[in-house]
N, C-alpha and C. Protein backbone atom coordinates (compact mmCIF):
# COMPACT_ATOMS: atom_id res chain seq x y z
N MET A 1 77.84 90.22 88.15
CA MET A 1 79.21 89.67 87.98
C MET A 1 79.33 88.35 88.72
N PRO A 2 79.75 87.36 88.14
CA PRO A 2 79.88 86.03 88.70
C PRO A 2 81.04 86.08 89.73
N ILE A 3 81.03 85.24 90.78
CA ILE A 3 82.04 85.02 91.75
C ILE A 3 83.16 84.07 91.28
N THR A 4 84.45 84.41 91.45
CA THR A 4 85.40 83.79 91.01
C THR A 4 85.82 82.76 92.36
N LYS A 5 85.88 81.54 91.93
CA LYS A 5 86.19 80.56 93.21
C LYS A 5 87.82 80.10 93.03
N TYR A 6 88.43 80.40 94.22
CA TYR A 6 89.74 79.53 94.28
C TYR A 6 89.65 78.67 95.43
N ALA A 7 90.16 77.44 95.17
CA ALA A 7 89.87 76.28 96.05
C ALA A 7 91.28 75.56 96.18
N ASN A 8 92.03 75.12 97.35
CA ASN A 8 93.11 74.54 97.47
C ASN A 8 94.43 74.89 96.57
N GLN A 9 94.53 76.23 96.52
CA GLN A 9 95.68 76.90 95.80
C GLN A 9 96.55 77.68 96.68
N THR A 10 97.77 77.66 96.14
CA THR A 10 98.77 78.53 96.57
C THR A 10 99.15 79.66 95.66
N LEU A 11 98.85 80.83 95.86
CA LEU A 11 99.02 81.89 95.05
C LEU A 11 100.02 82.72 95.50
N GLU A 12 101.19 82.93 94.55
CA GLU A 12 102.26 83.79 95.00
C GLU A 12 102.63 84.90 94.08
N GLU A 13 102.93 86.12 94.71
CA GLU A 13 103.21 87.08 93.75
C GLU A 13 102.47 87.59 92.69
N GLN A 14 101.10 87.61 93.01
CA GLN A 14 100.03 87.93 92.08
C GLN A 14 99.45 89.09 92.41
N SER A 15 98.77 89.82 91.46
CA SER A 15 97.83 91.08 91.75
C SER A 15 96.45 90.37 91.78
N ILE A 16 95.56 90.46 92.73
CA ILE A 16 94.30 89.88 92.66
C ILE A 16 93.34 90.80 93.09
N ASP A 17 92.37 91.02 92.39
CA ASP A 17 91.07 91.83 92.80
C ASP A 17 90.27 90.86 93.70
N VAL A 18 89.97 91.03 94.87
CA VAL A 18 89.23 90.37 95.74
C VAL A 18 87.74 90.54 95.84
N ASP A 19 87.29 91.37 95.00
CA ASP A 19 85.81 91.70 94.81
C ASP A 19 85.37 90.57 94.03
N GLU A 20 84.29 90.09 94.60
CA GLU A 20 83.58 88.97 93.78
C GLU A 20 84.31 87.72 93.73
N CYS A 21 85.14 87.55 94.74
CA CYS A 21 86.01 86.41 94.96
C CYS A 21 85.77 85.46 96.26
N TYR A 22 85.92 84.22 95.99
CA TYR A 22 85.85 83.29 97.10
C TYR A 22 86.85 82.22 97.22
N PHE A 23 87.65 82.43 98.42
CA PHE A 23 88.82 81.59 98.57
C PHE A 23 88.66 80.71 99.66
N VAL A 24 88.80 79.21 99.33
CA VAL A 24 88.55 78.35 100.36
C VAL A 24 90.00 77.41 100.42
N ASN A 25 90.39 77.33 101.67
CA ASN A 25 91.71 76.44 101.89
C ASN A 25 92.84 77.00 100.91
N CYS A 26 93.21 78.17 100.70
CA CYS A 26 94.24 78.90 99.81
C CYS A 26 95.32 79.49 100.77
N VAL A 27 96.41 79.63 100.18
CA VAL A 27 97.44 80.37 100.90
C VAL A 27 97.73 81.52 99.56
N LEU A 28 97.92 82.77 100.16
CA LEU A 28 98.26 83.93 99.39
C LEU A 28 99.62 84.48 99.86
N LYS A 29 100.61 84.41 99.06
CA LYS A 29 101.93 84.87 99.57
C LYS A 29 102.35 86.02 98.69
N GLU A 30 102.91 86.99 99.39
CA GLU A 30 103.51 88.08 98.78
C GLU A 30 102.54 88.68 97.50
N CYS A 31 101.35 88.76 97.73
CA CYS A 31 100.26 89.07 96.79
C CYS A 31 99.97 90.69 96.91
N ASP A 32 99.63 91.26 95.86
CA ASP A 32 98.92 92.49 96.01
C ASP A 32 97.55 92.41 95.86
N LEU A 33 96.67 92.81 97.06
CA LEU A 33 95.27 92.43 96.96
C LEU A 33 94.45 93.71 96.98
N PHE A 34 93.63 93.99 95.96
CA PHE A 34 92.86 94.99 95.59
C PHE A 34 91.40 94.85 95.91
N PHE A 35 90.93 95.86 96.87
CA PHE A 35 89.53 95.83 97.53
C PHE A 35 88.86 97.05 97.00
N SER A 36 87.68 96.90 96.44
CA SER A 36 86.85 98.08 96.02
C SER A 36 85.46 98.16 96.67
N GLY A 37 85.21 97.32 97.44
CA GLY A 37 84.00 97.27 98.51
C GLY A 37 83.00 96.14 98.02
N GLY A 38 83.36 95.28 97.02
CA GLY A 38 82.46 94.28 96.50
C GLY A 38 82.36 93.14 97.46
N ASP A 39 81.51 92.04 97.23
CA ASP A 39 81.33 91.07 97.93
C ASP A 39 82.63 90.08 97.85
N PHE A 40 83.03 89.44 98.93
CA PHE A 40 84.30 88.45 98.98
C PHE A 40 84.01 87.42 99.94
N GLU A 41 84.53 86.40 99.99
CA GLU A 41 84.59 85.53 101.34
C GLU A 41 85.74 84.71 101.23
N TRP A 42 86.21 84.43 102.53
CA TRP A 42 87.53 83.27 102.63
C TRP A 42 87.07 82.43 103.75
N GLN A 43 87.64 81.28 103.50
CA GLN A 43 87.57 80.19 104.52
C GLN A 43 88.90 79.56 104.69
N ALA A 44 89.57 79.35 105.73
CA ALA A 44 90.56 78.41 105.86
C ALA A 44 91.67 79.20 105.00
N THR A 45 91.73 80.29 104.76
CA THR A 45 92.76 80.81 103.94
C THR A 45 93.98 81.58 104.68
N LYS A 46 94.96 81.72 104.30
CA LYS A 46 96.13 82.25 104.96
C LYS A 46 96.58 83.32 103.93
N PHE A 47 96.97 84.46 104.55
CA PHE A 47 97.71 85.55 103.95
C PHE A 47 98.98 85.84 104.43
N GLU A 48 100.03 85.72 103.68
CA GLU A 48 101.56 85.78 104.22
C GLU A 48 102.13 87.00 103.36
N ASN A 49 102.49 88.00 104.19
CA ASN A 49 103.07 89.15 103.63
C ASN A 49 102.54 89.82 102.35
N CYS A 50 101.06 89.71 102.33
CA CYS A 50 100.45 90.40 101.28
C CYS A 50 100.16 91.85 101.65
N ARG A 51 100.05 92.61 100.42
CA ARG A 51 99.75 94.13 100.58
C ARG A 51 98.41 94.44 100.26
N TRP A 52 97.57 95.08 101.10
CA TRP A 52 96.32 95.29 100.78
C TRP A 52 96.15 96.79 100.17
N HIS A 53 95.47 96.96 98.94
CA HIS A 53 95.21 98.19 98.45
C HIS A 53 93.77 98.48 98.34
N PHE A 54 93.21 99.66 98.68
CA PHE A 54 91.79 100.06 98.97
C PHE A 54 91.46 100.89 97.75
N ARG A 55 90.14 100.74 97.12
CA ARG A 55 89.97 101.51 95.91
C ARG A 55 88.44 102.04 96.14
N GLY A 56 88.12 103.04 95.20
CA GLY A 56 86.65 103.61 95.49
C GLY A 56 86.18 103.58 96.72
N ALA A 57 84.85 102.98 96.86
CA ALA A 57 84.18 103.06 98.16
C ALA A 57 84.82 102.40 99.39
N ALA A 58 85.79 101.37 99.13
CA ALA A 58 86.41 100.99 100.24
C ALA A 58 87.60 101.87 100.64
N LEU A 59 88.35 102.66 99.66
CA LEU A 59 89.11 103.63 100.18
C LEU A 59 88.38 104.58 100.81
N ARG A 60 87.19 105.20 100.40
CA ARG A 60 86.53 106.30 101.11
C ARG A 60 86.20 105.65 102.56
N THR A 61 85.59 104.65 102.55
CA THR A 61 85.29 104.02 103.87
C THR A 61 86.50 104.07 104.99
N PHE A 62 87.61 103.58 104.32
CA PHE A 62 88.93 103.40 105.14
C PHE A 62 89.33 104.91 105.58
N ASN A 63 89.26 105.70 104.70
CA ASN A 63 89.73 107.08 105.00
C ASN A 63 88.80 107.68 106.10
N LEU A 64 87.48 107.37 105.98
CA LEU A 64 86.55 108.03 106.87
C LEU A 64 86.79 107.38 108.25
N LEU A 65 87.00 106.09 108.37
CA LEU A 65 87.30 105.40 109.69
C LEU A 65 88.56 105.85 110.35
N ASN A 66 89.62 106.33 109.48
CA ASN A 66 90.84 106.61 109.96
C ASN A 66 90.86 108.08 110.41
N GLN A 67 89.95 108.94 109.66
CA GLN A 67 89.85 110.41 110.29
C GLN A 67 89.09 110.39 111.58
N ILE A 68 88.12 109.61 111.80
CA ILE A 68 87.45 109.61 112.93
C ILE A 68 87.99 108.88 114.07
N GLY A 69 89.09 108.25 113.93
CA GLY A 69 89.85 107.61 114.84
C GLY A 69 89.30 106.20 115.13
N VAL A 70 88.50 105.56 114.35
CA VAL A 70 88.11 104.18 114.62
C VAL A 70 89.26 103.13 114.34
N LEU A 71 90.31 103.52 113.45
CA LEU A 71 91.34 102.70 113.04
C LEU A 71 92.50 103.34 113.88
N LYS A 72 93.39 102.37 114.43
CA LYS A 72 94.58 102.67 115.24
C LYS A 72 95.63 102.93 114.14
N GLN A 73 96.46 103.90 114.38
CA GLN A 73 97.73 104.28 113.41
C GLN A 73 98.82 103.35 114.07
N PRO A 74 99.54 102.68 113.01
CA PRO A 74 100.68 101.93 113.42
C PRO A 74 101.55 102.92 114.42
N GLN A 75 102.12 102.22 115.27
CA GLN A 75 102.98 102.78 116.27
C GLN A 75 104.58 102.48 115.99
N THR A 76 105.20 103.49 115.92
CA THR A 76 106.72 103.28 115.69
C THR A 76 107.31 103.15 117.20
N PRO A 77 108.41 102.17 117.18
CA PRO A 77 108.94 102.23 118.51
C PRO A 77 109.62 103.48 119.01
N ALA A 78 109.73 103.65 120.30
CA ALA A 78 110.15 104.76 121.05
C ALA A 78 111.55 104.72 120.79
N GLN A 79 112.08 105.93 120.48
CA GLN A 79 113.62 106.19 120.21
C GLN A 79 114.25 106.46 121.70
N SER A 80 115.29 105.92 121.99
CA SER A 80 116.03 106.32 123.36
C SER A 80 116.73 107.69 123.16
N ALA A 81 116.75 108.12 124.39
CA ALA A 81 117.50 109.55 124.22
C ALA A 81 119.06 109.33 123.90
N PRO A 82 119.60 110.04 123.45
CA PRO A 82 121.21 110.00 123.35
C PRO A 82 121.78 109.97 124.54
N GLY A 83 122.75 108.80 124.81
CA GLY A 83 123.52 108.45 125.92
C GLY A 83 122.71 107.73 126.83
N ALA A 84 121.52 107.54 126.72
CA ALA A 84 120.66 106.69 127.54
C ALA A 84 121.17 105.07 127.45
N PRO A 85 121.11 104.44 128.66
CA PRO A 85 121.56 102.87 128.38
C PRO A 85 120.54 102.24 127.81
N ARG A 86 121.06 101.17 126.79
CA ARG A 86 120.16 100.56 125.90
C ARG A 86 119.93 99.39 126.66
N MET A 87 118.51 98.57 126.33
CA MET A 87 118.14 97.52 127.02
C MET A 87 118.37 96.37 125.97
N ASN A 88 118.61 95.30 126.47
CA ASN A 88 118.89 94.01 125.62
C ASN A 88 118.02 93.23 125.78
């Protein structure tokens, strides 16, 4: 499968399969990025509010790393007890 090259582009609100892609000097805004475990590369590329979706081998690897504790779970802010003073 040939590599798709994106250079000096701003991509907004797109669905992109990042497998077999090369991004250089790009900005990806509000995109849905899909990754299945294929080759990819990016240089000088910014991701702004993008959503990552893992499929196939990448999803299985992600799930394994999560189950064995390698990946940290997102933490929710601590809730204050009722009647406790609020900090500003």
